[in-house]
């Protein structure tokens, strides 16, 4: 248990807040990923509608 807390303290000492550019880059990549997953889901829904296996909610 002591080893775990020592490792936690070491990580917290090294950790830092992201600067503005790094934060914006992470936000852009995350937004792109969410948009891509939504688009893929929409395409799957369209395929299901055209095949007649899915109805539009």
PDB file of N, CA and C in Angstrom:
ATOM      1  N   UNK A   1       0.823  -1.186   0.000  1.00  0.00           N
ATOM      2  CA  UNK A   1       0.000   0.000   0.000  1.00  0.00           C
ATOM      3  C   UNK A   1       0.873   1.259   0.000  1.00  0.00           C
ATOM      4  N   UNK A   2       1.956   1.213   0.753  1.00  0.00           N
ATOM      5  CA  UNK A   2       2.875   2.344   0.806  1.00  0.00           C
ATOM      6  C   UNK A   2       3.464   2.617  -0.577  1.00  0.00           C
ATOM      7  N   UNK A   3       3.755   1.548  -1.301  1.00  0.00           N
ATOM      8  CA  UNK A   3       4.329   1.686  -2.640  1.00  0.00           C
ATOM      9  C   UNK A   3       3.330   2.369  -3.585  1.00  0.00           C
ATOM     10  N   UNK A   4       2.061   2.006  -3.457  1.00  0.00           N
ATOM     11  CA  UNK A   4       1.026   2.615  -4.289  1.00  0.00           C
ATOM     12  C   UNK A   4       0.948   4.116  -4.037  1.00  0.00           C
ATOM     13  N   UNK A   5       0.932   4.521  -2.766  1.00  0.00           N
ATOM     14  CA  UNK A   5       0.845   5.942  -2.457  1.00  0.00           C
ATOM     15  C   UNK A   5       2.103   6.693  -2.882  1.00  0.00           C
ATOM     16  N   UNK A   6       3.235   6.042  -2.802  1.00  0.00           N
ATOM     17  CA  UNK A   6       4.480   6.664  -3.279  1.00  0.00           C
ATOM     18  C   UNK A   6       4.405   6.905  -4.779  1.00  0.00           C
ATOM     19  N   UNK A   7       3.886   5.938  -5.515  1.00  0.00           N
ATOM     20  CA  UNK A   7       3.738   6.101  -6.964  1.00  0.00           C
ATOM     21  C   UNK A   7       2.731   7.208  -7.285  1.00  0.00           C
ATOM     22  N   UNK A   8       1.646   7.273  -6.519  1.00  0.00           N
ATOM     23  CA  UNK A   8       0.647   8.331  -6.744  1.00  0.00           C
ATOM     24  C   UNK A   8       1.259   9.713  -6.511  1.00  0.00           C
ATOM     25  N   UNK A   9       2.017   9.862  -5.459  1.00  0.00           N
ATOM     26  CA  UNK A   9       2.656  11.159  -5.174  1.00  0.00           C
ATOM     27  C   UNK A   9       3.634  11.535  -6.286  1.00  0.00           C
ATOM     28  N   UNK A  10       4.369  10.541  -6.773  1.00  0.00           N
ATOM     29  CA  UNK A  10       5.338  10.800  -7.845  1.00  0.00           C
ATOM     30  C   UNK A  10       4.620  11.267  -9.114  1.00  0.00           C
ATOM     31  N   UNK A  11       3.518  10.622  -9.457  1.00  0.00           N
ATOM     32  CA  UNK A  11       2.759  11.017 -10.644  1.00  0.00           C
ATOM     33  C   UNK A  11       2.205  12.428 -10.480  1.00  0.00           C
ATOM     34  N   UNK A  12       1.668  12.743  -9.319  1.00  0.00           N
ATOM     35  CA  UNK A  12       1.101  14.069  -9.094  1.00  0.00           C
ATOM     36  C   UNK A  12       2.168  15.162  -9.114  1.00  0.00           C
ATOM     37  N   UNK A  13       3.377  14.844  -8.703  1.00  0.00           N
ATOM     38  CA  UNK A  13       4.465  15.831  -8.772  1.00  0.00           C
ATOM     39  C   UNK A  13       4.858  16.121 -10.208  1.00  0.00           C
ATOM     40  N   UNK A  14       4.839  15.085 -11.052  1.00  0.00           N
ATOM     41  CA  UNK A  14       5.258  15.241 -12.447  1.00  0.00           C
ATOM     42  C   UNK A  14       4.148  15.847 -13.295  1.00  0.00           C
ATOM     43  N   UNK A  15       2.881  15.554 -12.952  1.00  0.00           N
ATOM     44  CA  UNK A  15       1.743  16.006 -13.761  1.00  0.00           C
ATOM     45  C   UNK A  15       1.683  17.531 -13.800  1.00  0.00           C
ATOM     46  N   UNK A  16       1.192  18.038 -14.929  1.00  0.00           N
ATOM     47  CA  UNK A  16       1.041  19.482 -15.080  1.00  0.00           C
ATOM     48  C   UNK A  16      -0.227  19.763 -15.860  1.00  0.00           C
ATOM     49  N   UNK A  17      -0.689  20.986 -15.778  1.00  0.00           N
ATOM     50  CA  UNK A  17      -1.860  21.383 -16.543  1.00  0.00           C
ATOM     51  C   UNK A  17      -1.453  21.562 -18.003  1.00  0.00           C
ATOM     52  N   UNK A  18      -2.343  21.188 -18.920  1.00  0.00           N
ATOM     53  CA  UNK A  18      -2.015  21.403 -20.333  1.00  0.00           C
ATOM     54  C   UNK A  18      -2.065  22.890 -20.668  1.00  0.00           C
ATOM     55  N   UNK A  19      -1.197  23.323 -21.575  1.00  0.00           N
ATOM     56  CA  UNK A  19      -1.269  24.711 -22.005  1.00  0.00           C
ATOM     57  C   UNK A  19      -2.423  24.868 -23.000  1.00  0.00           C
ATOM     58  N   UNK A  20      -2.677  26.077 -23.431  1.00  0.00           N
ATOM     59  CA  UNK A  20      -3.844  26.363 -24.268  1.00  0.00           C
ATOM     60  C   UNK A  20      -3.809  25.589 -25.579  1.00  0.00           C
ATOM     61  N   UNK A  21      -2.649  25.554 -26.233  1.00  0.00           N
ATOM     62  CA  UNK A  21      -2.532  24.852 -27.520  1.00  0.00           C
ATOM     63  C   UNK A  21      -2.778  23.354 -27.366  1.00  0.00           C
ATOM     64  N   UNK A  22      -2.212  22.772 -26.319  1.00  0.00           N
ATOM     65  CA  UNK A  22      -2.404  21.343 -26.090  1.00  0.00           C
ATOM     66  C   UNK A  22      -3.872  21.037 -25.793  1.00  0.00           C
ATOM     67  N   UNK A  23      -4.514  21.882 -25.006  1.00  0.00           N
ATOM     68  CA  UNK A  23      -5.929  21.692 -24.672  1.00  0.00           C
ATOM     69  C   UNK A  23      -6.792  21.789 -25.933  1.00  0.00           C
ATOM     70  N   UNK A  24      -6.527  22.772 -26.781  1.00  0.00           N
ATOM     71  CA  UNK A  24      -7.304  22.926 -28.006  1.00  0.00           C
ATOM     72  C   UNK A  24      -7.104  21.736 -28.943  1.00  0.00           C
ATOM     73  N   UNK A  25      -5.897  21.228 -29.015  1.00  0.00           N
ATOM     74  CA  UNK A  25      -5.625  20.074 -29.863  1.00  0.00           C
ATOM     75  C   UNK A  25      -6.406  18.857 -29.373  1.00  0.00           C
ATOM     76  N   UNK A  26      -6.410  18.617 -28.070  1.00  0.00           N
ATOM     77  CA  UNK A  26      -7.170  17.493 -27.512  1.00  0.00           C
ATOM     78  C   UNK A  26      -8.656  17.687 -27.756  1.00  0.00           C
ATOM     79  N   UNK A  27      -9.161  18.910 -27.601  1.00  0.00           N
ATOM     80  CA  UNK A  27     -10.577  19.189 -27.826  1.00  0.00           C
ATOM     81  C   UNK A  27     -10.954  18.956 -29.289  1.00  0.00           C
ATOM     82  N   UNK A  28     -10.109  19.362 -30.217  1.00  0.00           N
ATOM     83  CA  UNK A  28     -10.390  19.159 -31.644  1.00  0.00           C
ATOM     84  C   UNK A  28     -10.416  17.667 -31.987  1.00  0.00           C
ATOM     85  N   UNK A  29      -9.446  16.926 -31.502  1.00  0.00           N
ATOM     86  CA  UNK A  29      -9.378  15.496 -31.799  1.00  0.00           C
ATOM     87  C   UNK A  29     -10.577  14.770 -31.194  1.00  0.00           C
ATOM     88  N   UNK A  30     -10.960  15.143 -29.977  1.00  0.00           N
ATOM     89  CA  UNK A  30     -12.114  14.527 -29.333  1.00  0.00           C
ATOM     90  C   UNK A  30     -13.389  14.844 -30.103  1.00  0.00           C
ATOM     91  N   UNK A  31     -13.559  16.100 -30.499  1.00  0.00           N
ATOM     92  CA  UNK A  31     -14.738  16.486 -31.277  1.00  0.00           C
ATOM     93  C   UNK A  31     -14.801  15.763 -32.613  1.00  0.00           C
ATOM     94  N   UNK A  32     -13.658  15.617 -33.260  1.00  0.00           N
ATOM     95  CA  UNK A  32     -13.604  14.891 -34.526  1.00  0.00           C
ATOM     96  C   UNK A  32     -13.999  13.427 -34.331  1.00  0.00           C
ATOM     97  N   UNK A  33     -13.521  12.824 -33.268  1.00  0.00           N
ATOM     98  CA  UNK A  33     -13.864  11.426 -32.983  1.00  0.00           C
ATOM     99  C   UNK A  33     -15.340  11.243 -32.714  1.00  0.00           C
ATOM    100  N   UNK A  34     -15.938  12.144 -31.930  1.00  0.00           N
ATOM    101  CA  UNK A  34     -17.367  12.068 -31.638  1.00  0.00           C
ATOM    102  C   UNK A  34     -18.179  12.244 -32.917  1.00  0.00           C
ATOM    103  N   UNK A  35     -17.779  13.196 -33.755  1.00  0.00           N
ATOM    104  CA  UNK A  35     -18.476  13.430 -35.023  1.00  0.00           C
ATOM    105  C   UNK A  35     -18.366  12.212 -35.934  1.00  0.00           C
ATOM    106  N   UNK A  36     -17.197  11.622 -36.007  1.00  0.00           N
ATOM    107  CA  UNK A  36     -16.989  10.444 -36.853  1.00  0.00           C
ATOM    108  C   UNK A  36     -17.844   9.269 -36.385  1.00  0.00           C
ATOM    109  N   UNK A  37     -17.911   9.034 -35.089  1.00  0.00           N
ATOM    110  CA  UNK A  37     -18.731   7.939 -34.561  1.00  0.00           C
ATOM    111  C   UNK A  37     -20.210   8.199 -34.847  1.00  0.00           C
ATOM    112  N   UNK A  38     -20.653   9.442 -34.698  1.00  0.00           N
ATOM    113  CA  UNK A  38     -22.038   9.787 -35.019  1.00  0.00           C
ATOM    114  C   UNK A  38     -22.351   9.578 -36.488  1.00  0.00           C
ATOM    115  N   UNK A  39     -21.431   9.955 -37.356  1.00  0.00           N
ATOM    116  CA  UNK A  39     -21.624   9.783 -38.800  1.00  0.00           C
ATOM    117  C   UNK A  39     -21.708   8.306 -39.169  1.00  0.00           C
ATOM    118  N   UNK A  40     -20.857   7.496 -38.563  1.00  0.00           N
ATOM    119  CA  UNK A  40     -20.896   6.048 -38.822  1.00  0.00           C
ATOM    120  C   UNK A  40     -22.233   5.476 -38.355  1.00  0.00           C
ATOM    121  N   UNK A  41     -22.709   5.898 -37.198  1.00  0.00           N
ATOM    122  CA  UNK A  41     -24.013   5.448 -36.714  1.00  0.00           C
ATOM    123  C   UNK A  41     -25.136   5.862 -37.640  1.00  0.00           C
ATOM    124  N   UNK A  42     -25.060   7.079 -38.165  1.00  0.00           N
ATOM    125  CA  UNK A  42     -26.068   7.557 -39.104  1.00  0.00           C
ATOM    126  C   UNK A  42     -26.063   6.718 -40.379  1.00  0.00           C
ATOM    127  N   UNK A  43     -24.869   6.386 -40.882  1.00  0.00           N
ATOM    128  CA  UNK A  43     -24.781   5.543 -42.084  1.00  0.00           C
ATOM    129  C   UNK A  43     -25.372   4.158 -41.835  1.00  0.00           C
ATOM    130  N   UNK A  44     -25.113   3.607 -40.661  1.00  0.00           N
ATOM    131  CA  UNK A  44     -25.680   2.295 -40.327  1.00  0.00           C
ATOM    132  C   UNK A  44     -27.199   2.387 -40.279  1.00  0.00           C
ATOM    133  N   UNK A  45     -27.738   3.469 -39.724  1.00  0.00           N
ATOM    134  CA  UNK A  45     -29.176   3.670 -39.689  1.00  0.00           C
ATOM    135  C   UNK A  45     -29.743   3.769 -41.102  1.00  0.00           C
ATOM    136  N   UNK A  46     -29.082   4.527 -41.971  1.00  0.00           N
ATOM    137  CA  UNK A  46     -29.562   4.648 -43.352  1.00  0.00           C
ATOM    138  C   UNK A  46     -29.566   3.303 -44.072  1.00  0.00           C
ATOM    139  N   UNK A  47     -28.534   2.519 -43.883  1.00  0.00           N
ATOM    140  CA  UNK A  47     -28.481   1.195 -44.513  1.00  0.00           C
ATOM    141  C   UNK A  47     -29.634   0.341 -43.990  1.00  0.00           C
ATOM    142  N   UNK A  48     -29.893   0.401 -42.708  1.00  0.00           N
ATOM    143  CA  UNK A  48     -30.996  -0.368 -42.130  1.00  0.00           C
ATOM    144  C   UNK A  48     -32.342   0.075 -42.658  1.00  0.00           C
ATOM    145  N   UNK A  49     -32.525   1.365 -42.838  1.00  0.00           N
ATOM    146  CA  UNK A  49     -33.784   1.883 -43.373  1.00  0.00           C
ATOM    147  C   UNK A  49     -33.971   1.424 -44.823  1.00  0.00           C
ATOM    148  N   UNK A  50     -32.931   1.501 -45.624  1.00  0.00           N
ATOM    149  CA  UNK A  50     -33.038   1.101 -47.018  1.00  0.00           C
ATOM    150  C   UNK A  50     -33.255  -0.406 -47.160  1.00  0.00           C
ATOM    151  N   UNK A  51     -32.718  -1.189 -46.243  1.00  0.00           N
ATOM    152  CA  UNK A  51     -32.930  -2.630 -46.295  1.00  0.00           C
ATOM    153  C   UNK A  51     -34.275  -3.028 -45.688  1.00  0.00           C
ATOM    154  N   UNK A  52     -34.922  -2.104 -44.999  1.00  0.00           N
ATOM    155  CA  UNK A  52     -36.226  -2.377 -44.415  1.00  0.00           C
ATOM    156  C   UNK A  52     -36.165  -3.082 -43.077  1.00  0.00           C
ATOM    157  N   UNK A  53     -34.984  -3.176 -42.480  1.00  0.00           N
ATOM    158  CA  UNK A  53     -34.860  -3.857 -41.191  1.00  0.00           C
ATOM    159  C   UNK A  53     -34.976  -2.897 -40.015  1.00  0.00           C
ATOM    160  N   UNK A  54     -34.899  -1.611 -40.276  1.00  0.00           N
ATOM    161  CA  UNK A  54     -34.926  -0.615 -39.216  1.00  0.00           C
ATOM    162  C   UNK A  54     -35.916   0.478 -39.598  1.00  0.00           C
ATOM    163  N   UNK A  55     -36.638   0.943 -38.607  1.00  0.00           N
ATOM    164  CA  UNK A  55     -37.509   2.089 -38.843  1.00  0.00           C
ATOM    165  C   UNK A  55     -36.878   3.319 -38.200  1.00  0.00           C
ATOM    166  N   UNK A  56     -37.189   4.450 -38.746  1.00  0.00           N
ATOM    167  CA  UNK A  56     -36.656   5.699 -38.207  1.00  0.00           C
ATOM    168  C   UNK A  56     -37.414   6.006 -36.918  1.00  0.00           C
ATOM    169  N   UNK A  57     -36.711   6.235 -35.823  1.00  0.00           N
ATOM    170  CA  UNK A  57     -37.396   6.504 -34.544  1.00  0.00           C
ATOM    171  C   UNK A  57     -38.184   7.795 -34.558  1.00  0.00           C
TER     172      UNK A  57
END
